[in-house]
Amino acid sequence: MDEKDPKEDLIEPVFRNGTVTTVGILLAFSLGFITHWAANPIPWQTYHLLAVVPILVGIALQMRALAMLLDTKSLQRPIYARANRIFIAGLVCTACGVGLAILLDFFDIAAKSALPGAS
């Protein structure tokens, strides 16, 4: 009586494919940001690690989510939901790191322009 139909706990492959595409695109943006920031002409300081660490952790979580979603087991609802949670955690972590990077660069530029003799 309480037996569940195994098909009930499956995600539609088309739906999962859209999620894989979204995760892949946002992961590419994250990787692009860290690459662009690494090439920034402002010299890196130790305090930049405050931003780099969450970005790299977030990217690692996004990569883990993508790897999980590419596996055929991700058609099972619990695995799909877990991959989505991991991806969202990675996205939030990356966004926090990006926000910190922007603030650190802003304050670095502001501090340098406030120095006497700076033009």
PDB file of N, CA and C in Angstrom:
ATOM      1  N   MET A   1       0.799  -1.200   0.000  1.00  0.00           N
ATOM      2  CA  MET A   1       0.000   0.000   0.000  1.00  0.00           C
ATOM      3  C   MET A   1       0.848   1.274   0.000  1.00  0.00           C
ATOM      4  N   ASP A   2       1.894   1.282   0.821  1.00  0.00           N
ATOM      5  CA  ASP A   2       2.743   2.454   0.919  1.00  0.00           C
ATOM      6  C   ASP A   2       3.863   2.453  -0.103  1.00  0.00           C
ATOM      7  N   GLU A   3       3.826   1.494  -1.018  1.00  0.00           N
ATOM      8  CA  GLU A   3       4.886   1.426  -2.012  1.00  0.00           C
ATOM      9  C   GLU A   3       4.769   2.600  -2.972  1.00  0.00           C
ATOM     10  N   LYS A   4       5.899   3.264  -3.182  1.00  0.00           N
ATOM     11  CA  LYS A   4       5.936   4.407  -4.091  1.00  0.00           C
ATOM     12  C   LYS A   4       6.346   3.933  -5.466  1.00  0.00           C
ATOM     13  N   ASP A   5       5.812   4.574  -6.456  1.00  0.00           N
ATOM     14  CA  ASP A   5       6.229   4.310  -7.823  1.00  0.00           C
ATOM     15  C   ASP A   5       7.619   4.910  -7.998  1.00  0.00           C
ATOM     16  N   PRO A   6       8.624   4.113  -8.410  1.00  0.00           N
ATOM     17  CA  PRO A   6       9.984   4.650  -8.550  1.00  0.00           C
ATOM     18  C   PRO A   6      10.064   5.824  -9.525  1.00  0.00           C
ATOM     19  N   LYS A   7       9.164   5.882 -10.475  1.00  0.00           N
ATOM     20  CA  LYS A   7       9.177   6.988 -11.442  1.00  0.00           C
ATOM     21  C   LYS A   7       8.763   8.302 -10.782  1.00  0.00           C
ATOM     22  N   GLU A   8       8.042   8.221  -9.649  1.00  0.00           N
ATOM     23  CA  GLU A   8       7.595   9.427  -8.949  1.00  0.00           C
ATOM     24  C   GLU A   8       8.764  10.240  -8.418  1.00  0.00           C
ATOM     25  N   ASP A   9       9.832   9.580  -8.036  1.00  0.00           N
ATOM     26  CA  ASP A   9      10.980  10.252  -7.438  1.00  0.00           C
ATOM     27  C   ASP A   9      12.048  10.632  -8.459  1.00  0.00           C
ATOM     28  N   LEU A  10      11.683  10.661  -9.730  1.00  0.00           N
ATOM     29  CA  LEU A  10      12.637  11.019 -10.767  1.00  0.00           C
ATOM     30  C   LEU A  10      12.361  12.416 -11.309  1.00  0.00           C
ATOM     31  N   ILE A  11      13.415  13.090 -11.667  1.00  0.00           N
ATOM     32  CA  ILE A  11      13.332  14.410 -12.299  1.00  0.00           C
ATOM     33  C   ILE A  11      13.273  14.195 -13.806  1.00  0.00           C
ATOM     34  N   GLU A  12      12.529  15.018 -14.476  1.00  0.00           N
ATOM     35  CA  GLU A  12      12.491  14.945 -15.940  1.00  0.00           C
ATOM     36  C   GLU A  12      13.876  15.291 -16.488  1.00  0.00           C
ATOM     37  N   PRO A  13      14.406  14.515 -17.413  1.00  0.00           N
ATOM     38  CA  PRO A  13      15.738  14.809 -17.972  1.00  0.00           C
ATOM     39  C   PRO A  13      15.834  16.200 -18.598  1.00  0.00           C
ATOM     40  N   VAL A  14      14.760  16.653 -19.228  1.00  0.00           N
ATOM     41  CA  VAL A  14      14.780  17.985 -19.846  1.00  0.00           C
ATOM     42  C   VAL A  14      14.930  19.063 -18.774  1.00  0.00           C
ATOM     43  N   PHE A  15      14.249  18.880 -17.650  1.00  0.00           N
ATOM     44  CA  PHE A  15      14.351  19.838 -16.545  1.00  0.00           C
ATOM     45  C   PHE A  15      15.763  19.852 -15.981  1.00  0.00           C
ATOM     46  N   ARG A  16      16.329  18.667 -15.799  1.00  0.00           N
ATOM     47  CA  ARG A  16      17.695  18.571 -15.286  1.00  0.00           C
ATOM     48  C   ARG A  16      18.685  19.206 -16.256  1.00  0.00           C
ATOM     49  N   ASN A  17      18.471  19.032 -17.552  1.00  0.00           N
ATOM     50  CA  ASN A  17      19.372  19.608 -18.551  1.00  0.00           C
ATOM     51  C   ASN A  17      19.395  21.130 -18.468  1.00  0.00           C
ATOM     52  N   GLY A  18      18.255  21.737 -18.206  1.00  0.00           N
ATOM     53  CA  GLY A  18      18.203  23.187 -18.032  1.00  0.00           C
ATOM     54  C   GLY A  18      18.992  23.628 -16.816  1.00  0.00           C
ATOM     55  N   THR A  19      18.911  22.837 -15.764  1.00  0.00           N
ATOM     56  CA  THR A  19      19.666  23.137 -14.546  1.00  0.00           C
ATOM     57  C   THR A  19      21.163  23.007 -14.803  1.00  0.00           C
ATOM     58  N   VAL A  20      21.555  21.973 -15.535  1.00  0.00           N
ATOM     59  CA  VAL A  20      22.974  21.786 -15.866  1.00  0.00           C
ATOM     60  C   VAL A  20      23.473  22.987 -16.669  1.00  0.00           C
ATOM     61  N   THR A  21      22.683  23.461 -17.596  1.00  0.00           N
ATOM     62  CA  THR A  21      23.069  24.620 -18.403  1.00  0.00           C
ATOM     63  C   THR A  21      23.246  25.852 -17.527  1.00  0.00           C
ATOM     64  N   THR A  22      22.307  26.085 -16.649  1.00  0.00           N
ATOM     65  CA  THR A  22      22.381  27.238 -15.748  1.00  0.00           C
ATOM     66  C   THR A  22      23.610  27.161 -14.850  1.00  0.00           C
ATOM     67  N   VAL A  23      23.841  26.003 -14.260  1.00  0.00           N
ATOM     68  CA  VAL A  23      25.000  25.830 -13.386  1.00  0.00           C
ATOM     69  C   VAL A  23      26.287  26.046 -14.179  1.00  0.00           C
ATOM     70  N   GLY A  24      26.353  25.510 -15.386  1.00  0.00           N
ATOM     71  CA  GLY A  24      27.546  25.672 -16.216  1.00  0.00           C
ATOM     72  C   GLY A  24      27.824  27.119 -16.573  1.00  0.00           C
ATOM     73  N   ILE A  25      26.783  27.863 -16.899  1.00  0.00           N
ATOM     74  CA  ILE A  25      26.955  29.273 -17.268  1.00  0.00           C
ATOM     75  C   ILE A  25      27.417  30.092 -16.067  1.00  0.00           C
ATOM     76  N   LEU A  26      26.784  29.900 -14.922  1.00  0.00           N
ATOM     77  CA  LEU A  26      27.174  30.658 -13.731  1.00  0.00           C
ATOM     78  C   LEU A  26      28.566  30.266 -13.239  1.00  0.00           C
ATOM     79  N   LEU A  27      28.933  29.005 -13.396  1.00  0.00           N
ATOM     80  CA  LEU A  27      30.291  28.576 -13.056  1.00  0.00           C
ATOM     81  C   LEU A  27      31.295  29.259 -13.977  1.00  0.00           C
ATOM     82  N   ALA A  28      30.960  29.362 -15.253  1.00  0.00           N
ATOM     83  CA  ALA A  28      31.857  30.043 -16.200  1.00  0.00           C
ATOM     84  C   ALA A  28      32.024  31.512 -15.827  1.00  0.00           C
ATOM     85  N   PHE A  29      30.955  32.176 -15.415  1.00  0.00           N
ATOM     86  CA  PHE A  29      31.059  33.569 -14.967  1.00  0.00           C
ATOM     87  C   PHE A  29      31.967  33.672 -13.735  1.00  0.00           C
ATOM     88  N   SER A  30      31.812  32.741 -12.803  1.00  0.00           N
ATOM     89  CA  SER A  30      32.642  32.747 -11.595  1.00  0.00           C
ATOM     90  C   SER A  30      34.112  32.563 -11.947  1.00  0.00           C
ATOM     91  N   LEU A  31      34.393  31.610 -12.813  1.00  0.00           N
ATOM     92  CA  LEU A  31      35.776  31.381 -13.238  1.00  0.00           C
ATOM     93  C   LEU A  31      36.310  32.596 -14.007  1.00  0.00           C
ATOM     94  N   GLY A  32      35.465  33.196 -14.813  1.00  0.00           N
ATOM     95  CA  GLY A  32      35.862  34.392 -15.552  1.00  0.00           C
ATOM     96  C   GLY A  32      36.186  35.547 -14.626  1.00  0.00           C
ATOM     97  N   PHE A  33      35.400  35.705 -13.563  1.00  0.00           N
ATOM     98  CA  PHE A  33      35.659  36.793 -12.624  1.00  0.00           C
ATOM     99  C   PHE A  33      37.003  36.622 -11.948  1.00  0.00           C
ATOM    100  N   ILE A  34      37.270  35.408 -11.449  1.00  0.00           N
ATOM    101  CA  ILE A  34      38.524  35.207 -10.719  1.00  0.00           C
ATOM    102  C   ILE A  34      39.713  35.355 -11.668  1.00  0.00           C
ATOM    103  N   THR A  35      39.546  34.953 -12.918  1.00  0.00           N
ATOM    104  CA  THR A  35      40.614  35.123 -13.905  1.00  0.00           C
ATOM    105  C   THR A  35      40.854  36.604 -14.184  1.00  0.00           C
ATOM    106  N   HIS A  36      39.768  37.339 -14.369  1.00  0.00           N
ATOM    107  CA  HIS A  36      39.882  38.770 -14.639  1.00  0.00           C
ATOM    108  C   HIS A  36      40.477  39.505 -13.439  1.00  0.00           C
ATOM    109  N   TRP A  37      40.046  39.143 -12.252  1.00  0.00           N
ATOM    110  CA  TRP A  37      40.546  39.801 -11.052  1.00  0.00           C
ATOM    111  C   TRP A  37      42.021  39.491 -10.841  1.00  0.00           C
ATOM    112  N   ALA A  38      42.431  38.273 -11.172  1.00  0.00           N
ATOM    113  CA  ALA A  38      43.846  37.906 -11.029  1.00  0.00           C
ATOM    114  C   ALA A  38      44.728  38.752 -11.946  1.00  0.00           C
ATOM    115  N   ALA A  39      44.164  39.202 -13.071  1.00  0.00           N
ATOM    116  CA  ALA A  39      44.922  40.021 -14.017  1.00  0.00           C
ATOM    117  C   ALA A  39      44.783  41.516 -13.717  1.00  0.00           C
ATOM    118  N   ASN A  40      44.115  41.863 -12.647  1.00  0.00           N
ATOM    119  CA  ASN A  40      43.906  43.245 -12.247  1.00  0.00           C
ATOM    120  C   ASN A  40      45.261  43.929 -12.021  1.00  0.00           C
ATOM    121  N   PRO A  41      45.437  45.154 -12.515  1.00  0.00           N
ATOM    122  CA  PRO A  41      46.730  45.820 -12.342  1.00  0.00           C
ATOM    123  C   PRO A  41      47.042  46.222 -10.898  1.00  0.00           C
ATOM    124  N   ILE A  42      46.056  46.241 -10.032  1.00  0.00           N
ATOM    125  CA  ILE A  42      46.315  46.564  -8.623  1.00  0.00           C
ATOM    126  C   ILE A  42      47.076  45.395  -8.004  1.00  0.00           C
ATOM    127  N   PRO A  43      48.229  45.654  -7.401  1.00  0.00           N
ATOM    128  CA  PRO A  43      49.008  44.557  -6.819  1.00  0.00           C
ATOM    129  C   PRO A  43      48.222  43.841  -5.710  1.00  0.00           C
ATOM    130  N   TRP A  44      48.382  42.536  -5.663  1.00  0.00           N
ATOM    131  CA  TRP A  44      47.707  41.729  -4.646  1.00  0.00           C
ATOM    132  C   TRP A  44      48.358  41.951  -3.286  1.00  0.00           C
ATOM    133  N   GLN A  45      47.540  41.991  -2.275  1.00  0.00           N
ATOM    134  CA  GLN A  45      47.991  42.111  -0.885  1.00  0.00           C
ATOM    135  C   GLN A  45      47.461  40.908  -0.108  1.00  0.00           C
ATOM    136  N   THR A  46      47.987  40.694   1.064  1.00  0.00           N
ATOM    137  CA  THR A  46      47.550  39.570   1.897  1.00  0.00           C
ATOM    138  C   THR A  46      46.062  39.663   2.225  1.00  0.00           C
ATOM    139  N   TYR A  47      45.563  40.869   2.443  1.00  0.00           N
ATOM    140  CA  TYR A  47      44.153  41.018   2.804  1.00  0.00           C
ATOM    141  C   TYR A  47      43.207  40.632   1.663  1.00  0.00           C
ATOM    142  N   HIS A  48      43.713  40.507   0.451  1.00  0.00           N
ATOM    143  CA  HIS A  48      42.870  40.061  -0.656  1.00  0.00           C
ATOM    144  C   HIS A  48      42.416  38.608  -0.474  1.00  0.00           C
ATOM    145  N   LEU A  49      43.126  37.878   0.387  1.00  0.00           N
ATOM    146  CA  LEU A  49      42.711  36.503   0.671  1.00  0.00           C
ATOM    147  C   LEU A  49      41.313  36.449   1.284  1.00  0.00           C
ATOM    148  N   LEU A  50      40.901  37.543   1.941  1.00  0.00           N
ATOM    149  CA  LEU A  50      39.543  37.606   2.490  1.00  0.00           C
ATOM    150  C   LEU A  50      38.494  37.432   1.401  1.00  0.00           C
ATOM    151  N   ALA A  51      38.815  37.851   0.196  1.00  0.00           N
ATOM    152  CA  ALA A  51      37.885  37.714  -0.930  1.00  0.00           C
ATOM    153  C   ALA A  51      38.180  36.478  -1.759  1.00  0.00           C
ATOM    154  N   VAL A  52      39.450  36.154  -1.923  1.00  0.00           N
ATOM    155  CA  VAL A  52      39.820  35.033  -2.789  1.00  0.00           C
ATOM    156  C   VAL A  52      39.335  33.704  -2.221  1.00  0.00           C
ATOM    157  N   VAL A  53      39.465  33.514  -0.920  1.00  0.00           N
ATOM    158  CA  VAL A  53      39.087  32.234  -0.315  1.00  0.00           C
ATOM    159  C   VAL A  53      37.606  31.922  -0.533  1.00  0.00           C
ATOM    160  N   PRO A  54      36.662  32.834  -0.218  1.00  0.00           N
ATOM    161  CA  PRO A  54      35.261  32.479  -0.469  1.00  0.00           C
ATOM    162  C   PRO A  54      34.949  32.281  -1.952  1.00  0.00           C
ATOM    163  N   ILE A  55      35.627  33.028  -2.821  1.00  0.00           N
ATOM    164  CA  ILE A  55      35.392  32.838  -4.252  1.00  0.00           C
ATOM    165  C   ILE A  55      35.833  31.436  -4.668  1.00  0.00           C
ATOM    166  N   LEU A  56      37.016  31.026  -4.243  1.00  0.00           N
ATOM    167  CA  LEU A  56      37.517  29.708  -4.622  1.00  0.00           C
ATOM    168  C   LEU A  56      36.694  28.579  -4.001  1.00  0.00           C
ATOM    169  N   VAL A  57      36.273  28.756  -2.764  1.00  0.00           N
ATOM    170  CA  VAL A  57      35.404  27.752  -2.130  1.00  0.00           C
ATOM    171  C   VAL A  57      34.081  27.678  -2.880  1.00  0.00           C
ATOM    172  N   GLY A  58      33.529  28.836  -3.235  1.00  0.00           N
ATOM    173  CA  GLY A  58      32.278  28.867  -3.990  1.00  0.00           C
ATOM    174  C   GLY A  58      32.409  28.204  -5.349  1.00  0.00           C
ATOM    175  N   ILE A  59      33.520  28.457  -6.023  1.00  0.00           N
ATOM    176  CA  ILE A  59      33.754  27.828  -7.330  1.00  0.00           C
ATOM    177  C   ILE A  59      33.867  26.315  -7.167  1.00  0.00           C
ATOM    178  N   ALA A  60      34.557  25.874  -6.126  1.00  0.00           N
ATOM    179  CA  ALA A  60      34.686  24.433  -5.879  1.00  0.00           C
ATOM    180  C   ALA A  60      33.315  23.795  -5.634  1.00  0.00           C
ATOM    181  N   LEU A  61      32.465  24.479  -4.875  1.00  0.00           N
ATOM    182  CA  LEU A  61      31.108  23.957  -4.626  1.00  0.00           C
ATOM    183  C   LEU A  61      30.289  23.922  -5.914  1.00  0.00           C
ATOM    184  N   GLN A  62      30.418  24.953  -6.736  1.00  0.00           N
ATOM    185  CA  GLN A  62      29.699  24.967  -8.011  1.00  0.00           C
ATOM    186  C   GLN A  62      30.176  23.828  -8.913  1.00  0.00           C
ATOM    187  N   MET A  63      31.488  23.579  -8.920  1.00  0.00           N
ATOM    188  CA  MET A  63      32.029  22.479  -9.720  1.00  0.00           C
ATOM    189  C   MET A  63      31.512  21.131  -9.208  1.00  0.00           C
ATOM    190  N   ARG A  64      31.443  21.000  -7.902  1.00  0.00           N
ATOM    191  CA  ARG A  64      30.909  19.755  -7.313  1.00  0.00           C
ATOM    192  C   ARG A  64      29.454  19.562  -7.723  1.00  0.00           C
ATOM    193  N   ALA A  65      28.674  20.621  -7.671  1.00  0.00           N
ATOM    194  CA  ALA A  65      27.268  20.527  -8.071  1.00  0.00           C
ATOM    195  C   ALA A  65      27.139  20.143  -9.540  1.00  0.00           C
ATOM    196  N   LEU A  66      27.961  20.740 -10.384  1.00  0.00           N
ATOM    197  CA  LEU A  66      27.916  20.405 -11.808  1.00  0.00           C
ATOM    198  C   LEU A  66      28.276  18.943 -12.025  1.00  0.00           C
ATOM    199  N   ALA A  67      29.306  18.472 -11.339  1.00  0.00           N
ATOM    200  CA  ALA A  67      29.693  17.064 -11.466  1.00  0.00           C
ATOM    201  C   ALA A  67      28.552  16.144 -11.023  1.00  0.00           C
ATOM    202  N   MET A  68      27.876  16.508  -9.945  1.00  0.00           N
ATOM    203  CA  MET A  68      26.748  15.696  -9.480  1.00  0.00           C
ATOM    204  C   MET A  68      25.611  15.703 -10.491  1.00  0.00           C
ATOM    205  N   LEU A  69      25.337  16.867 -11.071  1.00  0.00           N
ATOM    206  CA  LEU A  69      24.234  16.982 -12.026  1.00  0.00           C
ATOM    207  C   LEU A  69      24.522  16.264 -13.342  1.00  0.00           C
ATOM    208  N   LEU A  70      25.790  16.127 -13.692  1.00  0.00           N
ATOM    209  CA  LEU A  70      26.135  15.437 -14.931  1.00  0.00           C
ATOM    210  C   LEU A  70      26.021  13.920 -14.804  1.00  0.00           C
ATOM    211  N   ASP A  71      25.998  13.420 -13.586  1.00  0.00           N
ATOM    212  CA  ASP A  71      25.838  11.991 -13.352  1.00  0.00           C
ATOM    213  C   ASP A  71      24.369  11.614 -13.579  1.00  0.00           C
ATOM    214  N   THR A  72      24.145  10.443 -14.173  1.00  0.00           N
ATOM    215  CA  THR A  72      22.757  10.019 -14.432  1.00  0.00           C
ATOM    216  C   THR A  72      21.976   9.792 -13.141  1.00  0.00           C
ATOM    217  N   LYS A  73      22.671   9.589 -12.021  1.00  0.00           N
ATOM    218  CA  LYS A  73      21.977   9.417 -10.743  1.00  0.00           C
ATOM    219  C   LYS A  73      21.258  10.694 -10.315  1.00  0.00           C
ATOM    220  N   SER A  74      21.643  11.825 -10.908  1.00  0.00           N
ATOM    221  CA  SER A  74      21.004  13.088 -10.523  1.00  0.00           C
ATOM    222  C   SER A  74      19.561  13.173 -11.002  1.00  0.00           C
ATOM    223  N   LEU A  75      19.106  12.197 -11.756  1.00  0.00           N
ATOM    224  CA  LEU A  75      17.689  12.159 -12.107  1.00  0.00           C
ATOM    225  C   LEU A  75      16.842  11.765 -10.901  1.00  0.00           C
ATOM    226  N   GLN A  76      17.469  11.220  -9.882  1.00  0.00           N
ATOM    227  CA  GLN A  76      16.753  10.897  -8.646  1.00  0.00           C
ATOM    228  C   GLN A  76      16.569  12.196  -7.862  1.00  0.00           C
ATOM    229  N   ARG A  77      15.359  12.430  -7.434  1.00  0.00           N
ATOM    230  CA  ARG A  77      15.014  13.699  -6.791  1.00  0.00           C
ATOM    231  C   ARG A  77      15.911  14.071  -5.601  1.00  0.00           C
ATOM    232  N   PRO A  78      16.235  13.158  -4.680  1.00  0.00           N
ATOM    233  CA  PRO A  78      17.089  13.554  -3.546  1.00  0.00           C
ATOM    234  C   PRO A  78      18.486  13.994  -3.986  1.00  0.00           C
ATOM    235  N   ILE A  79      19.060  13.311  -4.964  1.00  0.00           N
ATOM    236  CA  ILE A  79      20.395  13.680  -5.434  1.00  0.00           C
ATOM    237  C   ILE A  79      20.337  15.012  -6.181  1.00  0.00           C
ATOM    238  N   TYR A  80      19.303  15.201  -6.974  1.00  0.00           N
ATOM    239  CA  TYR A  80      19.107  16.465  -7.688  1.00  0.00           C
ATOM    240  C   TYR A  80      18.968  17.623  -6.695  1.00  0.00           C
ATOM    241  N   ALA A  81      18.164  17.408  -5.654  1.00  0.00           N
ATOM    242  CA  ALA A  81      17.955  18.459  -4.650  1.00  0.00           C
ATOM    243  C   ALA A  81      19.254  18.767  -3.908  1.00  0.00           C
ATOM    244  N   ARG A  82      20.049  17.747  -3.604  1.00  0.00           N
ATOM    245  CA  ARG A  82      21.324  17.960  -2.920  1.00  0.00           C
ATOM    246  C   ARG A  82      22.277  18.747  -3.809  1.00  0.00           C
ATOM    247  N   ALA A  83      22.329  18.414  -5.087  1.00  0.00           N
ATOM    248  CA  ALA A  83      23.193  19.144  -6.020  1.00  0.00           C
ATOM    249  C   ALA A  83      22.762  20.606  -6.109  1.00  0.00           C
ATOM    250  N   ASN A  84      21.467  20.850  -6.105  1.00  0.00           N
ATOM    251  CA  ASN A  84      20.969  22.232  -6.144  1.00  0.00           C
ATOM    252  C   ASN A  84      21.371  22.996  -4.884  1.00  0.00           C
ATOM    253  N   ARG A  85      21.273  22.362  -3.724  1.00  0.00           N
ATOM    254  CA  ARG A  85      21.670  23.021  -2.469  1.00  0.00           C
ATOM    255  C   ARG A  85      23.160  23.344  -2.473  1.00  0.00           C
ATOM    256  N   ILE A  86      23.965  22.403  -2.946  1.00  0.00           N
ATOM    257  CA  ILE A  86      25.407  22.637  -3.026  1.00  0.00           C
ATOM    258  C   ILE A  86      25.699  23.785  -3.980  1.00  0.00           C
ATOM    259  N   PHE A  87      25.001  23.813  -5.113  1.00  0.00           N
ATOM    260  CA  PHE A  87      25.207  24.887  -6.081  1.00  0.00           C
ATOM    261  C   PHE A  87      24.836  26.245  -5.487  1.00  0.00           C
ATOM    262  N   ILE A  88      23.698  26.329  -4.828  1.00  0.00           N
ATOM    263  CA  ILE A  88      23.266  27.603  -4.226  1.00  0.00           C
ATOM    264  C   ILE A  88      24.266  28.050  -3.166  1.00  0.00           C
ATOM    265  N   ALA A  89      24.768  27.126  -2.354  1.00  0.00           N
ATOM    266  CA  ALA A  89      25.784  27.470  -1.346  1.00  0.00           C
ATOM    267  C   ALA A  89      27.034  28.016  -2.039  1.00  0.00           C
ATOM    268  N   GLY A  90      27.443  27.387  -3.128  1.00  0.00           N
ATOM    269  CA  GLY A  90      28.599  27.860  -3.876  1.00  0.00           C
ATOM    270  C   GLY A  90      28.374  29.219  -4.501  1.00  0.00           C
ATOM    271  N   LEU A  91      27.174  29.431  -4.993  1.00  0.00           N
ATOM    272  CA  LEU A  91      26.841  30.720  -5.602  1.00  0.00           C
ATOM    273  C   LEU A  91      26.851  31.841  -4.565  1.00  0.00           C
ATOM    274  N   VAL A  92      26.283  31.577  -3.403  1.00  0.00           N
ATOM    275  CA  VAL A  92      26.273  32.576  -2.325  1.00  0.00           C
ATOM    276  C   VAL A  92      27.696  32.864  -1.857  1.00  0.00           C
ATOM    277  N   CYS A  93      28.483  31.822  -1.701  1.00  0.00           N
ATOM    278  CA  CYS A  93      29.868  31.982  -1.261  1.00  0.00           C
ATOM    279  C   CYS A  93      30.657  32.814  -2.284  1.00  0.00           C
ATOM    280  N   THR A  94      30.498  32.494  -3.561  1.00  0.00           N
ATOM    281  CA  THR A  94      31.183  33.236  -4.617  1.00  0.00           C
ATOM    282  C   THR A  94      30.729  34.689  -4.644  1.00  0.00           C
ATOM    283  N   ALA A  95      29.429  34.914  -4.516  1.00  0.00           N
ATOM    284  CA  ALA A  95      28.903  36.283  -4.527  1.00  0.00           C
ATOM    285  C   ALA A  95      29.452  37.093  -3.351  1.00  0.00           C
ATOM    286  N   CYS A  96      29.569  36.476  -2.185  1.00  0.00           N
ATOM    287  CA  CYS A  96      30.146  37.176  -1.031  1.00  0.00           C
ATOM    288  C   CYS A  96      31.606  37.531  -1.298  1.00  0.00           C
ATOM    289  N   GLY A  97      32.349  36.605  -1.881  1.00  0.00           N
ATOM    290  CA  GLY A  97      33.737  36.868  -2.211  1.00  0.00           C
ATOM    291  C   GLY A  97      33.892  37.974  -3.244  1.00  0.00           C
ATOM    292  N   VAL A  98      33.017  37.970  -4.243  1.00  0.00           N
ATOM    293  CA  VAL A  98      33.055  39.024  -5.270  1.00  0.00           C
ATOM    294  C   VAL A  98      32.749  40.376  -4.635  1.00  0.00           C
ATOM    295  N   GLY A  99      31.746  40.401  -3.766  1.00  0.00           N
ATOM    296  CA  GLY A  99      31.424  41.648  -3.069  1.00  0.00           C
ATOM    297  C   GLY A  99      32.598  42.146  -2.238  1.00  0.00           C
ATOM    298  N   LEU A 100      33.255  41.250  -1.540  1.00  0.00           N
ATOM    299  CA  LEU A 100      34.442  41.627  -0.774  1.00  0.00           C
ATOM    300  C   LEU A 100      35.563  42.123  -1.682  1.00  0.00           C
ATOM    301  N   ALA A 101      35.740  41.473  -2.820  1.00  0.00           N
ATOM    302  CA  ALA A 101      36.787  41.888  -3.771  1.00  0.00           C
ATOM    303  C   ALA A 101      36.529  43.305  -4.266  1.00  0.00           C
ATOM    304  N   ILE A 102      35.285  43.591  -4.580  1.00  0.00           N
ATOM    305  CA  ILE A 102      34.930  44.931  -5.048  1.00  0.00           C
ATOM    306  C   ILE A 102      35.188  45.958  -3.950  1.00  0.00           C
ATOM    307  N   LEU A 103      34.776  45.639  -2.724  1.00  0.00           N
ATOM    308  CA  LEU A 103      35.008  46.565  -1.605  1.00  0.00           C
ATOM    309  C   LEU A 103      36.493  46.775  -1.335  1.00  0.00           C
ATOM    310  N   LEU A 104      37.262  45.691  -1.363  1.00  0.00           N
ATOM    311  CA  LEU A 104      38.696  45.814  -1.118  1.00  0.00           C
ATOM    312  C   LEU A 104      39.368  46.671  -2.186  1.00  0.00           C
ATOM    313  N   ASP A 105      38.998  46.465  -3.437  1.00  0.00           N
ATOM    314  CA  ASP A 105      39.568  47.283  -4.518  1.00  0.00           C
ATOM    315  C   ASP A 105      39.141  48.739  -4.377  1.00  0.00           C
ATOM    316  N   PHE A 106      37.891  48.953  -4.022  1.00  0.00           N
ATOM    317  CA  PHE A 106      37.385  50.322  -3.855  1.00  0.00           C
ATOM    318  C   PHE A 106      38.151  51.044  -2.751  1.00  0.00           C
ATOM    319  N   PHE A 107      38.294  50.373  -1.597  1.00  0.00           N
ATOM    320  CA  PHE A 107      38.994  51.014  -0.488  1.00  0.00           C
ATOM    321  C   PHE A 107      40.476  51.185  -0.780  1.00  0.00           C
ATOM    322  N   ASP A 108      41.059  50.273  -1.545  1.00  0.00           N
ATOM    323  CA  ASP A 108      42.465  50.395  -1.920  1.00  0.00           C
ATOM    324  C   ASP A 108      42.664  51.609  -2.828  1.00  0.00           C
ATOM    325  N   ILE A 109      41.787  51.769  -3.799  1.00  0.00           N
ATOM    326  CA  ILE A 109      41.878  52.920  -4.710  1.00  0.00           C
ATOM    327  C   ILE A 109      41.597  54.227  -3.955  1.00  0.00           C
ATOM    328  N   ALA A 110      40.591  54.198  -3.074  1.00  0.00           N
ATOM    329  CA  ALA A 110      40.246  55.401  -2.298  1.00  0.00           C
ATOM    330  C   ALA A 110      41.394  55.810  -1.375  1.00  0.00           C
ATOM    331  N   ALA A 111      42.029  54.834  -0.759  1.00  0.00           N
ATOM    332  CA  ALA A 111      43.131  55.136   0.160  1.00  0.00           C
ATOM    333  C   ALA A 111      44.309  55.723  -0.596  1.00  0.00           C
ATOM    334  N   LYS A 112      44.575  55.194  -1.782  1.00  0.00           N
ATOM    335  CA  LYS A 112      45.710  55.703  -2.576  1.00  0.00           C
ATOM    336  C   LYS A 112      45.443  57.107  -3.103  1.00  0.00           C
ATOM    337  N   SER A 113      44.184  57.393  -3.442  1.00  0.00           N
ATOM    338  CA  SER A 113      43.883  58.728  -3.950  1.00  0.00           C
ATOM    339  C   SER A 113      43.834  59.768  -2.835  1.00  0.00           C
ATOM    340  N   ALA A 114      43.686  59.323  -1.589  1.00  0.00           N
ATOM    341  CA  ALA A 114      43.635  60.246  -0.451  1.00  0.00           C
ATOM    342  C   ALA A 114      45.034  60.598   0.041  1.00  0.00           C
ATOM    343  N   LEU A 115      46.037  59.907  -0.443  1.00  0.00           N
ATOM    344  CA  LEU A 115      47.396  60.202  -0.014  1.00  0.00           C
ATOM    345  C   LEU A 115      47.832  61.589  -0.518  1.00  0.00           C
ATOM    346  N   PRO A 116      48.614  62.306   0.276  1.00  0.00           N
ATOM    347  CA  PRO A 116      49.079  63.619  -0.166  1.00  0.00           C
ATOM    348  C   PRO A 116      49.960  63.474  -1.414  1.00  0.00           C
ATOM    349  N   GLY A 117      49.728  64.332  -2.352  1.00  0.00           N
ATOM    350  CA  GLY A 117      50.497  64.316  -3.604  1.00  0.00           C
ATOM    351  C   GLY A 117      49.899  63.406  -4.656  1.00  0.00           C
ATOM    352  N   ALA A 118      48.813  62.679  -4.315  1.00  0.00           N
ATOM    353  CA  ALA A 118      48.172  61.810  -5.326  1.00  0.00           C
ATOM    354  C   ALA A 118      47.282  62.672  -6.197  1.00  0.00           C
ATOM    355  N   SER A 119      47.299  62.386  -7.479  1.00  0.00           N
ATOM    356  CA  SER A 119      46.444  63.173  -8.382  1.00  0.00           C
ATOM    357  C   SER A 119      45.464  62.320  -9.088  1.00  0.00           C
TER     358      SER A 119
END
